[in-house]
Amino acid sequence: MPVLSEQDLEQLEAYVDGELSTTEEDALRARLAAEPILAEAMRRVRADRDIRMAVWKSFEPSEASVARLVAKVDATVDRTSNWSYKLTTLRRVSAAAACIVLGVLIGRAGDNGGGGVMSSGQVATVPGGAGRSMQTNVSHPIEFPIVDEQGRPVAVQRFQTLREAQEFLEELNRFHRMQEQIRSGGGQILVPSERF
């Protein structure tokens, strides 16, 4: 029984894959009709190719498994973005609360019993009327740490008077409220002052 050469087998594979030119296909068809061993080898090559195609097809996922995977990914993304939004909101609220507490503490320290002498020897003026403002100079500047969204300090804002510090806190709170309004899609867009 004659054995086929490696070149004949490669030509059969190329024929099954549709890689032969028209002239080569015609010559191979003539050989297949004349040589029964070559025809039997062609049948085996096609059978092997069909088995490989069936195996590869079995590895393809079904529509249901793809839909389940997509649903799991969507749920994970939604859960992650919800937590991210909640944590961002919590950071902002806690930063605003810390600023308010700091402002109250600075206010109480600056008030010092209603106009007494401060440690630097300067007398604090307490607002007595609508047009008066508190311009208490302190012996050292008041410092507010500026933090990023992870709570790490990135800068320090210094103020020479308690009033400047309180105005900064009020403006910061307005800015946070404005950002929340923009994020929730309601209200008008306000432009913050030059401090931000």
N, C-alpha and C. Protein backbone atom coordinates (compact mmCIF):
# COMPACT_ATOMS: atom_id res chain seq x y z
N MET A 1 0.85 -1.17 0.00
CA MET A 1 0.00 0.00 0.00
C MET A 1 0.90 1.23 0.00
N PRO A 2 0.77 2.04 -1.04
CA PRO A 2 1.64 3.21 -1.12
C PRO A 2 1.31 4.22 -0.04
N VAL A 3 2.34 4.93 0.41
CA VAL A 3 2.19 5.95 1.46
C VAL A 3 2.22 7.32 0.78
N LEU A 4 1.34 8.21 1.29
CA LEU A 4 1.30 9.56 0.74
C LEU A 4 2.46 10.38 1.29
N SER A 5 2.96 11.28 0.47
CA SER A 5 4.06 12.13 0.91
C SER A 5 3.51 13.29 1.76
N GLU A 6 4.42 13.91 2.47
CA GLU A 6 4.05 15.07 3.30
C GLU A 6 3.50 16.20 2.43
N GLN A 7 4.04 16.34 1.25
CA GLN A 7 3.60 17.38 0.32
C GLN A 7 2.16 17.12 -0.13
N ASP A 8 1.81 15.84 -0.36
CA ASP A 8 0.43 15.50 -0.75
C ASP A 8 -0.54 15.84 0.38
N LEU A 9 -0.16 15.51 1.62
CA LEU A 9 -1.03 15.81 2.77
C LEU A 9 -1.22 17.33 2.94
N GLU A 10 -0.14 18.08 2.77
CA GLU A 10 -0.25 19.54 2.87
C GLU A 10 -1.14 20.10 1.78
N GLN A 11 -1.06 19.50 0.58
CA GLN A 11 -1.90 19.96 -0.52
C GLN A 11 -3.37 19.65 -0.24
N LEU A 12 -3.65 18.49 0.36
CA LEU A 12 -5.03 18.14 0.72
C LEU A 12 -5.57 19.12 1.78
N GLU A 13 -4.75 19.44 2.77
CA GLU A 13 -5.15 20.41 3.82
C GLU A 13 -5.44 21.77 3.21
N ALA A 14 -4.58 22.19 2.30
CA ALA A 14 -4.78 23.49 1.64
C ALA A 14 -6.05 23.47 0.80
N TYR A 15 -6.36 22.33 0.17
CA TYR A 15 -7.59 22.22 -0.63
C TYR A 15 -8.82 22.33 0.26
N VAL A 16 -8.80 21.63 1.38
CA VAL A 16 -9.93 21.68 2.31
C VAL A 16 -10.12 23.10 2.86
N ASP A 17 -9.03 23.81 3.10
CA ASP A 17 -9.10 25.18 3.63
C ASP A 17 -9.38 26.21 2.55
N GLY A 18 -9.39 25.80 1.26
CA GLY A 18 -9.67 26.73 0.17
C GLY A 18 -8.50 27.63 -0.15
N GLU A 19 -7.29 27.15 0.03
CA GLU A 19 -6.11 27.97 -0.17
C GLU A 19 -5.40 27.69 -1.50
N LEU A 20 -5.91 26.78 -2.32
CA LEU A 20 -5.26 26.45 -3.59
C LEU A 20 -5.79 27.36 -4.70
N SER A 21 -4.94 27.57 -5.69
CA SER A 21 -5.39 28.33 -6.87
C SER A 21 -6.29 27.43 -7.71
N THR A 22 -6.96 28.01 -8.69
CA THR A 22 -7.87 27.25 -9.54
C THR A 22 -7.14 26.16 -10.31
N THR A 23 -5.98 26.45 -10.79
CA THR A 23 -5.19 25.47 -11.54
C THR A 23 -4.79 24.30 -10.65
N GLU A 24 -4.33 24.61 -9.42
CA GLU A 24 -3.93 23.54 -8.49
C GLU A 24 -5.12 22.70 -8.07
N GLU A 25 -6.29 23.32 -7.89
CA GLU A 25 -7.49 22.56 -7.54
C GLU A 25 -7.88 21.60 -8.65
N ASP A 26 -7.84 22.07 -9.89
CA ASP A 26 -8.19 21.20 -11.02
C ASP A 26 -7.25 20.01 -11.11
N ALA A 27 -5.96 20.24 -10.92
CA ALA A 27 -4.98 19.14 -10.97
C ALA A 27 -5.22 18.15 -9.84
N LEU A 28 -5.55 18.66 -8.62
CA LEU A 28 -5.80 17.77 -7.49
C LEU A 28 -7.08 16.96 -7.69
N ARG A 29 -8.10 17.55 -8.26
CA ARG A 29 -9.35 16.82 -8.53
C ARG A 29 -9.10 15.67 -9.52
N ALA A 30 -8.29 15.94 -10.50
CA ALA A 30 -7.96 14.89 -11.47
C ALA A 30 -7.21 13.74 -10.78
N ARG A 31 -6.30 14.08 -9.86
CA ARG A 31 -5.56 13.04 -9.12
C ARG A 31 -6.49 12.27 -8.19
N LEU A 32 -7.46 12.98 -7.56
CA LEU A 32 -8.40 12.31 -6.65
C LEU A 32 -9.25 11.29 -7.41
N ALA A 33 -9.63 11.61 -8.63
CA ALA A 33 -10.43 10.68 -9.42
C ALA A 33 -9.61 9.48 -9.85
N ALA A 34 -8.32 9.66 -10.06
CA ALA A 34 -7.47 8.59 -10.57
C ALA A 34 -6.81 7.76 -9.47
N GLU A 35 -6.62 8.34 -8.27
CA GLU A 35 -5.89 7.65 -7.20
C GLU A 35 -6.81 7.43 -5.99
N PRO A 36 -7.24 6.18 -5.76
CA PRO A 36 -8.15 5.91 -4.64
C PRO A 36 -7.49 6.14 -3.26
N ILE A 37 -6.18 5.96 -3.16
CA ILE A 37 -5.49 6.20 -1.88
C ILE A 37 -5.53 7.69 -1.54
N LEU A 38 -5.35 8.52 -2.52
CA LEU A 38 -5.43 9.97 -2.32
C LEU A 38 -6.85 10.39 -1.95
N ALA A 39 -7.85 9.75 -2.57
CA ALA A 39 -9.25 10.05 -2.26
C ALA A 39 -9.57 9.65 -0.82
N GLU A 40 -9.03 8.49 -0.36
CA GLU A 40 -9.25 8.05 1.03
C GLU A 40 -8.58 9.02 2.00
N ALA A 41 -7.38 9.50 1.65
CA ALA A 41 -6.69 10.47 2.50
C ALA A 41 -7.50 11.78 2.56
N MET A 42 -8.12 12.17 1.45
CA MET A 42 -8.96 13.38 1.44
C MET A 42 -10.15 13.21 2.39
N ARG A 43 -10.75 12.01 2.39
CA ARG A 43 -11.88 11.75 3.29
C ARG A 43 -11.44 11.88 4.76
N ARG A 44 -10.26 11.35 5.10
CA ARG A 44 -9.74 11.44 6.47
C ARG A 44 -9.41 12.89 6.86
N VAL A 45 -8.83 13.65 5.93
CA VAL A 45 -8.50 15.06 6.20
C VAL A 45 -9.79 15.83 6.49
N ARG A 46 -10.83 15.59 5.68
CA ARG A 46 -12.11 16.28 5.93
C ARG A 46 -12.73 15.86 7.26
N ALA A 47 -12.65 14.58 7.59
CA ALA A 47 -13.20 14.09 8.86
C ALA A 47 -12.45 14.71 10.04
N ASP A 48 -11.12 14.76 9.93
CA ASP A 48 -10.32 15.39 11.00
C ASP A 48 -10.68 16.87 11.15
N ARG A 49 -10.86 17.53 10.03
CA ARG A 49 -11.21 18.96 10.07
C ARG A 49 -12.59 19.15 10.71
N ASP A 50 -13.54 18.28 10.39
CA ASP A 50 -14.88 18.38 10.99
C ASP A 50 -14.83 18.16 12.50
N ILE A 51 -13.98 17.23 12.94
CA ILE A 51 -13.83 16.98 14.39
C ILE A 51 -13.23 18.21 15.07
N ARG A 52 -12.20 18.79 14.45
CA ARG A 52 -11.59 20.00 15.04
C ARG A 52 -12.62 21.13 15.12
N MET A 53 -13.40 21.31 14.07
CA MET A 53 -14.42 22.37 14.07
C MET A 53 -15.46 22.14 15.17
N ALA A 54 -15.84 20.88 15.38
CA ALA A 54 -16.82 20.56 16.42
C ALA A 54 -16.25 20.85 17.81
N VAL A 55 -14.96 20.52 18.00
CA VAL A 55 -14.32 20.79 19.30
C VAL A 55 -14.26 22.29 19.54
N TRP A 56 -13.82 23.05 18.54
CA TRP A 56 -13.74 24.50 18.72
C TRP A 56 -15.13 25.10 18.95
N LYS A 57 -16.14 24.56 18.27
CA LYS A 57 -17.51 25.08 18.45
C LYS A 57 -17.99 24.80 19.87
N SER A 58 -17.57 23.65 20.44
CA SER A 58 -18.01 23.34 21.81
C SER A 58 -17.41 24.29 22.84
N PHE A 59 -16.28 24.92 22.50
CA PHE A 59 -15.67 25.87 23.43
C PHE A 59 -16.34 27.24 23.40
N GLU A 60 -17.13 27.51 22.38
CA GLU A 60 -17.79 28.81 22.29
C GLU A 60 -18.88 28.90 23.35
N PRO A 61 -18.99 30.05 24.02
CA PRO A 61 -20.01 30.17 25.07
C PRO A 61 -21.41 30.31 24.46
N SER A 62 -22.39 29.87 25.23
CA SER A 62 -23.78 30.00 24.78
C SER A 62 -24.26 31.42 25.03
N GLU A 63 -25.37 31.77 24.41
CA GLU A 63 -25.95 33.11 24.60
C GLU A 63 -26.33 33.33 26.06
N ALA A 64 -26.83 32.30 26.70
CA ALA A 64 -27.24 32.43 28.11
C ALA A 64 -26.04 32.69 29.01
N SER A 65 -24.92 31.98 28.77
CA SER A 65 -23.74 32.21 29.62
C SER A 65 -23.14 33.59 29.38
N VAL A 66 -23.18 34.07 28.13
CA VAL A 66 -22.70 35.42 27.84
C VAL A 66 -23.59 36.44 28.54
N ALA A 67 -24.90 36.24 28.48
CA ALA A 67 -25.83 37.17 29.14
C ALA A 67 -25.61 37.19 30.66
N ARG A 68 -25.35 36.02 31.26
CA ARG A 68 -25.08 35.96 32.71
C ARG A 68 -23.80 36.71 33.05
N LEU A 69 -22.76 36.53 32.24
CA LEU A 69 -21.49 37.22 32.49
C LEU A 69 -21.66 38.73 32.38
N VAL A 70 -22.37 39.19 31.35
CA VAL A 70 -22.59 40.62 31.18
C VAL A 70 -23.40 41.18 32.35
N ALA A 71 -24.40 40.43 32.82
CA ALA A 71 -25.20 40.88 33.95
C ALA A 71 -24.34 40.99 35.22
N LYS A 72 -23.43 40.04 35.43
CA LYS A 72 -22.55 40.09 36.61
C LYS A 72 -21.62 41.28 36.54
N VAL A 73 -21.06 41.53 35.35
CA VAL A 73 -20.16 42.68 35.20
C VAL A 73 -20.92 43.98 35.44
N ASP A 74 -22.12 44.09 34.87
CA ASP A 74 -22.93 45.30 35.07
C ASP A 74 -23.25 45.52 36.55
N ALA A 75 -23.62 44.44 37.24
CA ALA A 75 -23.94 44.57 38.67
C ALA A 75 -22.71 45.01 39.47
N THR A 76 -21.55 44.46 39.14
CA THR A 76 -20.32 44.83 39.85
C THR A 76 -19.98 46.29 39.59
N VAL A 77 -20.11 46.73 38.34
CA VAL A 77 -19.82 48.13 38.02
C VAL A 77 -20.80 49.05 38.74
N ASP A 78 -22.09 48.70 38.75
CA ASP A 78 -23.08 49.52 39.45
C ASP A 78 -22.78 49.60 40.95
N ARG A 79 -22.45 48.46 41.54
CA ARG A 79 -22.15 48.43 42.97
C ARG A 79 -20.93 49.28 43.29
N THR A 80 -19.90 49.18 42.45
CA THR A 80 -18.67 49.95 42.66
C THR A 80 -18.93 51.44 42.52
N SER A 81 -19.68 51.83 41.48
CA SER A 81 -19.92 53.26 41.28
C SER A 81 -20.83 53.81 42.38
N ASN A 82 -21.78 53.02 42.87
CA ASN A 82 -22.62 53.48 43.98
C ASN A 82 -21.79 53.73 45.23
N TRP A 83 -20.91 52.79 45.56
CA TRP A 83 -20.06 52.97 46.74
C TRP A 83 -19.11 54.15 46.56
N SER A 84 -18.60 54.30 45.37
CA SER A 84 -17.70 55.42 45.10
C SER A 84 -18.42 56.74 45.30
N TYR A 85 -19.65 56.85 44.79
CA TYR A 85 -20.43 58.09 44.97
C TYR A 85 -20.74 58.32 46.45
N LYS A 86 -21.12 57.25 47.16
CA LYS A 86 -21.45 57.40 48.59
C LYS A 86 -20.22 57.84 49.38
N LEU A 87 -19.06 57.23 49.09
CA LEU A 87 -17.85 57.61 49.82
C LEU A 87 -17.41 59.03 49.50
N THR A 88 -17.57 59.44 48.23
CA THR A 88 -17.23 60.81 47.86
C THR A 88 -18.13 61.80 48.57
N THR A 89 -19.42 61.50 48.60
CA THR A 89 -20.37 62.37 49.30
C THR A 89 -20.06 62.41 50.79
N LEU A 90 -19.75 61.25 51.38
CA LEU A 90 -19.42 61.20 52.80
C LEU A 90 -18.16 62.02 53.09
N ARG A 91 -17.16 61.95 52.22
CA ARG A 91 -15.94 62.75 52.43
C ARG A 91 -16.25 64.23 52.40
N ARG A 92 -17.08 64.64 51.45
CA ARG A 92 -17.41 66.06 51.35
C ARG A 92 -18.19 66.53 52.57
N VAL A 93 -19.18 65.72 52.98
CA VAL A 93 -19.97 66.09 54.14
C VAL A 93 -19.08 66.15 55.39
N SER A 94 -18.20 65.16 55.54
CA SER A 94 -17.33 65.17 56.72
C SER A 94 -16.34 66.33 56.67
N ALA A 95 -15.86 66.68 55.46
CA ALA A 95 -14.96 67.84 55.34
C ALA A 95 -15.69 69.12 55.69
N ALA A 96 -16.94 69.25 55.22
CA ALA A 96 -17.73 70.44 55.55
C ALA A 96 -18.00 70.49 57.06
N ALA A 97 -18.34 69.34 57.65
CA ALA A 97 -18.59 69.30 59.10
C ALA A 97 -17.33 69.67 59.88
N ALA A 98 -16.17 69.17 59.42
CA ALA A 98 -14.92 69.51 60.09
C ALA A 98 -14.64 71.00 59.98
N CYS A 99 -14.93 71.58 58.82
CA CYS A 99 -14.74 73.03 58.66
C CYS A 99 -15.66 73.81 59.57
N ILE A 100 -16.90 73.35 59.70
CA ILE A 100 -17.85 74.04 60.58
C ILE A 100 -17.39 73.95 62.03
N VAL A 101 -16.99 72.75 62.44
CA VAL A 101 -16.52 72.58 63.83
C VAL A 101 -15.29 73.45 64.07
N LEU A 102 -14.38 73.46 63.11
CA LEU A 102 -13.19 74.29 63.24
C LEU A 102 -13.57 75.76 63.32
N GLY A 103 -14.54 76.16 62.51
CA GLY A 103 -15.00 77.55 62.54
C GLY A 103 -15.62 77.92 63.88
N VAL A 104 -16.42 77.00 64.42
CA VAL A 104 -17.02 77.26 65.74
C VAL A 104 -15.95 77.37 66.80
N LEU A 105 -14.97 76.46 66.76
CA LEU A 105 -13.89 76.52 67.75
C LEU A 105 -13.08 77.81 67.62
N ILE A 106 -12.81 78.21 66.39
CA ILE A 106 -12.08 79.46 66.18
C ILE A 106 -12.93 80.64 66.66
N GLY A 107 -14.22 80.56 66.37
CA GLY A 107 -15.12 81.63 66.83
C GLY A 107 -15.15 81.75 68.34
N ARG A 108 -15.19 80.62 69.01
CA ARG A 108 -15.20 80.65 70.48
C ARG A 108 -13.87 81.14 71.04
N ALA A 109 -12.79 80.71 70.41
CA ALA A 109 -11.48 81.17 70.87
C ALA A 109 -11.32 82.66 70.62
N GLY A 110 -11.85 83.14 69.50
CA GLY A 110 -11.74 84.56 69.15
C GLY A 110 -12.66 85.42 69.99
N ASP A 111 -13.81 84.85 70.37
CA ASP A 111 -14.77 85.60 71.19
C ASP A 111 -14.18 85.87 72.56
N ASN A 112 -13.58 84.88 73.16
CA ASN A 112 -12.84 85.01 74.42
C ASN A 112 -13.64 85.74 75.49
N GLY A 113 -14.89 85.32 75.68
CA GLY A 113 -15.68 85.90 76.76
C GLY A 113 -16.30 87.23 76.41
N GLY A 114 -16.44 87.60 75.17
CA GLY A 114 -17.17 88.82 74.82
C GLY A 114 -16.32 90.05 74.79
N GLY A 115 -15.13 90.02 74.31
CA GLY A 115 -14.37 91.25 74.11
C GLY A 115 -13.24 91.44 75.08
N GLY A 116 -12.76 90.36 75.70
CA GLY A 116 -11.64 90.47 76.63
C GLY A 116 -10.34 90.63 75.87
N VAL A 117 -9.25 90.67 76.62
CA VAL A 117 -7.93 90.83 76.02
C VAL A 117 -7.45 89.47 75.55
N MET A 118 -6.93 89.41 74.30
CA MET A 118 -6.43 88.15 73.75
C MET A 118 -5.00 87.93 74.20
N SER A 119 -4.50 86.75 73.90
CA SER A 119 -3.17 86.39 74.39
C SER A 119 -2.08 87.28 73.78
N SER A 120 -2.31 87.82 72.60
CA SER A 120 -1.29 88.66 71.99
C SER A 120 -1.33 90.08 72.53
N GLY A 121 -2.29 90.37 73.40
CA GLY A 121 -2.38 91.71 73.97
C GLY A 121 -3.31 92.61 73.18
N GLN A 122 -3.95 92.12 72.12
CA GLN A 122 -4.85 92.94 71.34
C GLN A 122 -6.28 92.69 71.80
N VAL A 123 -7.07 93.73 71.80
CA VAL A 123 -8.46 93.63 72.25
C VAL A 123 -9.31 93.20 71.06
N ALA A 124 -10.12 92.15 71.27
CA ALA A 124 -11.01 91.70 70.21
C ALA A 124 -12.25 92.56 70.18
N THR A 125 -12.70 92.93 69.00
CA THR A 125 -13.93 93.72 68.88
C THR A 125 -15.06 92.80 68.53
N VAL A 126 -16.11 92.83 69.30
CA VAL A 126 -17.27 91.97 69.08
C VAL A 126 -18.26 92.73 68.22
N PRO A 127 -18.86 92.08 67.21
CA PRO A 127 -19.82 92.80 66.37
C PRO A 127 -20.98 93.31 67.21
N GLY A 128 -21.19 94.60 67.14
CA GLY A 128 -22.28 95.20 67.92
C GLY A 128 -23.42 95.64 67.06
N GLY A 129 -23.22 95.89 65.79
CA GLY A 129 -24.29 96.36 64.93
C GLY A 129 -24.23 95.66 63.60
N ALA A 130 -25.17 96.01 62.73
CA ALA A 130 -25.26 95.35 61.43
C ALA A 130 -24.07 95.69 60.55
N GLY A 131 -23.53 96.88 60.64
CA GLY A 131 -22.45 97.30 59.76
C GLY A 131 -21.07 96.99 60.27
N ARG A 132 -20.92 96.50 61.49
CA ARG A 132 -19.59 96.25 62.05
C ARG A 132 -19.15 94.83 61.72
N SER A 133 -17.87 94.65 61.52
CA SER A 133 -17.33 93.31 61.26
C SER A 133 -16.24 93.01 62.27
N MET A 134 -15.99 91.73 62.49
CA MET A 134 -14.99 91.33 63.44
C MET A 134 -13.65 91.20 62.73
N GLN A 135 -12.69 92.03 63.02
CA GLN A 135 -11.36 92.00 62.41
C GLN A 135 -10.33 91.72 63.50
N THR A 136 -10.44 90.60 64.17
CA THR A 136 -9.54 90.27 65.26
C THR A 136 -8.24 89.74 64.70
N ASN A 137 -7.16 90.42 64.98
CA ASN A 137 -5.85 89.93 64.58
C ASN A 137 -5.36 88.97 65.64
N VAL A 138 -4.76 87.90 65.23
CA VAL A 138 -4.27 86.92 66.18
C VAL A 138 -2.75 86.94 66.14
N SER A 139 -2.15 86.34 67.18
CA SER A 139 -0.69 86.40 67.28
C SER A 139 -0.01 85.54 66.21
N HIS A 140 -0.67 84.53 65.74
CA HIS A 140 -0.13 83.70 64.67
C HIS A 140 -1.27 83.42 63.68
N PRO A 141 -0.93 83.17 62.43
CA PRO A 141 -1.99 82.97 61.44
C PRO A 141 -2.82 81.73 61.75
N ILE A 142 -4.09 81.80 61.36
CA ILE A 142 -4.98 80.65 61.48
C ILE A 142 -4.75 79.79 60.24
N GLU A 143 -4.59 78.50 60.44
CA GLU A 143 -4.28 77.61 59.33
C GLU A 143 -5.37 76.57 59.17
N PHE A 144 -5.86 76.39 57.91
CA PHE A 144 -6.80 75.33 57.55
C PHE A 144 -6.09 74.39 56.60
N PRO A 145 -6.02 73.10 56.93
CA PRO A 145 -5.44 72.16 55.96
C PRO A 145 -6.43 71.92 54.82
N ILE A 146 -5.93 71.88 53.60
CA ILE A 146 -6.73 71.55 52.43
C ILE A 146 -6.41 70.11 52.09
N VAL A 147 -7.44 69.25 52.00
CA VAL A 147 -7.23 67.83 51.77
C VAL A 147 -7.83 67.42 50.43
N ASP A 148 -7.29 66.32 49.85
CA ASP A 148 -7.85 65.79 48.61
C ASP A 148 -8.98 64.84 48.96
N GLU A 149 -9.53 64.14 47.95
CA GLU A 149 -10.68 63.29 48.17
C GLU A 149 -10.36 62.07 49.03
N GLN A 150 -9.10 61.71 49.17
CA GLN A 150 -8.71 60.61 50.04
C GLN A 150 -8.41 61.08 51.46
N GLY A 151 -8.54 62.37 51.71
CA GLY A 151 -8.30 62.91 53.04
C GLY A 151 -6.86 63.25 53.33
N ARG A 152 -6.00 63.22 52.33
CA ARG A 152 -4.59 63.56 52.52
C ARG A 152 -4.40 65.06 52.37
N PRO A 153 -3.65 65.70 53.27
CA PRO A 153 -3.42 67.14 53.15
C PRO A 153 -2.59 67.44 51.90
N VAL A 154 -3.04 68.44 51.14
CA VAL A 154 -2.31 68.84 49.94
C VAL A 154 -1.83 70.28 50.02
N ALA A 155 -2.41 71.08 50.91
CA ALA A 155 -2.00 72.47 51.06
C ALA A 155 -2.52 72.99 52.40
N VAL A 156 -2.09 74.21 52.76
CA VAL A 156 -2.56 74.86 53.99
C VAL A 156 -3.00 76.27 53.61
N GLN A 157 -4.22 76.63 54.02
CA GLN A 157 -4.74 77.97 53.78
C GLN A 157 -4.56 78.77 55.08
N ARG A 158 -3.90 79.92 55.00
CA ARG A 158 -3.63 80.73 56.19
C ARG A 158 -4.49 82.00 56.16
N PHE A 159 -4.95 82.42 57.34
CA PHE A 159 -5.75 83.63 57.48
C PHE A 159 -5.17 84.47 58.60
N GLN A 160 -5.23 85.79 58.44
CA GLN A 160 -4.70 86.69 59.44
C GLN A 160 -5.76 87.08 60.47
N THR A 161 -7.05 86.99 60.09
CA THR A 161 -8.11 87.36 61.02
C THR A 161 -9.12 86.23 61.11
N LEU A 162 -9.85 86.21 62.22
CA LEU A 162 -10.90 85.21 62.39
C LEU A 162 -12.01 85.41 61.36
N ARG A 163 -12.28 86.65 61.02
CA ARG A 163 -13.34 86.93 60.05
C ARG A 163 -13.01 86.34 58.67
N GLU A 164 -11.75 86.47 58.27
CA GLU A 164 -11.34 85.86 56.99
C GLU A 164 -11.55 84.35 57.02
N ALA A 165 -11.22 83.73 58.14
CA ALA A 165 -11.39 82.28 58.26
C ALA A 165 -12.87 81.91 58.19
N GLN A 166 -13.73 82.67 58.88
CA GLN A 166 -15.16 82.38 58.85
C GLN A 166 -15.73 82.60 57.45
N GLU A 167 -15.31 83.64 56.76
CA GLU A 167 -15.78 83.87 55.40
C GLU A 167 -15.35 82.72 54.48
N PHE A 168 -14.14 82.25 54.68
CA PHE A 168 -13.67 81.12 53.88
C PHE A 168 -14.53 79.88 54.11
N LEU A 169 -14.85 79.60 55.38
CA LEU A 169 -15.70 78.45 55.69
C LEU A 169 -17.08 78.59 55.06
N GLU A 170 -17.66 79.78 55.14
CA GLU A 170 -18.98 80.01 54.54
C GLU A 170 -18.91 79.80 53.03
N GLU A 171 -17.88 80.33 52.40
CA GLU A 171 -17.74 80.20 50.95
C GLU A 171 -17.49 78.74 50.56
N LEU A 172 -16.73 78.03 51.36
CA LEU A 172 -16.48 76.61 51.10
C LEU A 172 -17.77 75.82 51.18
N ASN A 173 -18.58 76.11 52.19
CA ASN A 173 -19.87 75.42 52.32
C ASN A 173 -20.78 75.73 51.14
N ARG A 174 -20.80 77.00 50.68
CA ARG A 174 -21.61 77.35 49.50
C ARG A 174 -21.11 76.59 48.28
N PHE A 175 -19.81 76.48 48.14
CA PHE A 175 -19.24 75.77 47.00
C PHE A 175 -19.65 74.30 47.00
N HIS A 176 -19.58 73.65 48.19
CA HIS A 176 -19.98 72.24 48.28
C HIS A 176 -21.45 72.06 47.98
N ARG A 177 -22.29 72.97 48.45
CA ARG A 177 -23.73 72.89 48.14
C ARG A 177 -23.96 73.04 46.65
N MET A 178 -23.24 73.96 46.03
CA MET A 178 -23.37 74.18 44.59
C MET A 178 -22.94 72.93 43.82
N GLN A 179 -21.83 72.31 44.23
CA GLN A 179 -21.37 71.10 43.56
C GLN A 179 -22.40 69.98 43.69
N GLU A 180 -23.02 69.86 44.85
CA GLU A 180 -24.04 68.84 45.05
C GLU A 180 -25.27 69.11 44.19
N GLN A 181 -25.65 70.38 44.04
CA GLN A 181 -26.77 70.74 43.16
C GLN A 181 -26.46 70.38 41.72
N ILE A 182 -25.26 70.67 41.27
CA ILE A 182 -24.87 70.35 39.90
C ILE A 182 -24.90 68.85 39.70
N ARG A 183 -24.37 68.10 40.66
CA ARG A 183 -24.31 66.65 40.55
C ARG A 183 -25.70 66.04 40.53
N SER A 184 -26.63 66.59 41.31
CA SER A 184 -27.98 66.04 41.35
C SER A 184 -28.83 66.54 40.20
N GLY A 185 -28.33 67.49 39.41
CA GLY A 185 -29.03 67.96 38.23
C GLY A 185 -30.05 69.04 38.49
N GLY A 186 -30.11 69.56 39.66
CA GLY A 186 -31.10 70.58 39.96
C GLY A 186 -30.48 71.93 40.20
N GLY A 187 -31.29 72.95 40.12
CA GLY A 187 -30.83 74.30 40.45
C GLY A 187 -30.04 74.93 39.34
N GLN A 188 -29.66 76.14 39.56
CA GLN A 188 -28.88 76.88 38.58
C GLN A 188 -27.40 76.76 38.88
N ILE A 189 -26.60 76.94 37.89
CA ILE A 189 -25.15 76.84 38.06
C ILE A 189 -24.61 78.19 38.48
N LEU A 190 -23.92 78.19 39.62
CA LEU A 190 -23.35 79.42 40.15
C LEU A 190 -21.85 79.39 39.94
N VAL A 191 -21.28 80.51 39.69
CA VAL A 191 -19.83 80.60 39.52
C VAL A 191 -19.22 80.97 40.87
N PRO A 192 -18.29 80.16 41.40
CA PRO A 192 -17.68 80.50 42.68
C PRO A 192 -16.79 81.72 42.56
N SER A 193 -16.51 82.30 43.71
CA SER A 193 -15.69 83.51 43.70
C SER A 193 -14.24 83.18 43.38
N GLU A 194 -13.39 84.19 43.36
CA GLU A 194 -12.01 84.02 42.96
C GLU A 194 -11.19 83.23 43.98
N ARG A 195 -11.72 82.95 45.16
CA ARG A 195 -10.98 82.16 46.15
C ARG A 195 -10.79 80.72 45.68
N PHE A 196 -11.70 80.21 44.87
CA PHE A 196 -11.62 78.81 44.44
C PHE A 196 -11.01 78.74 43.10
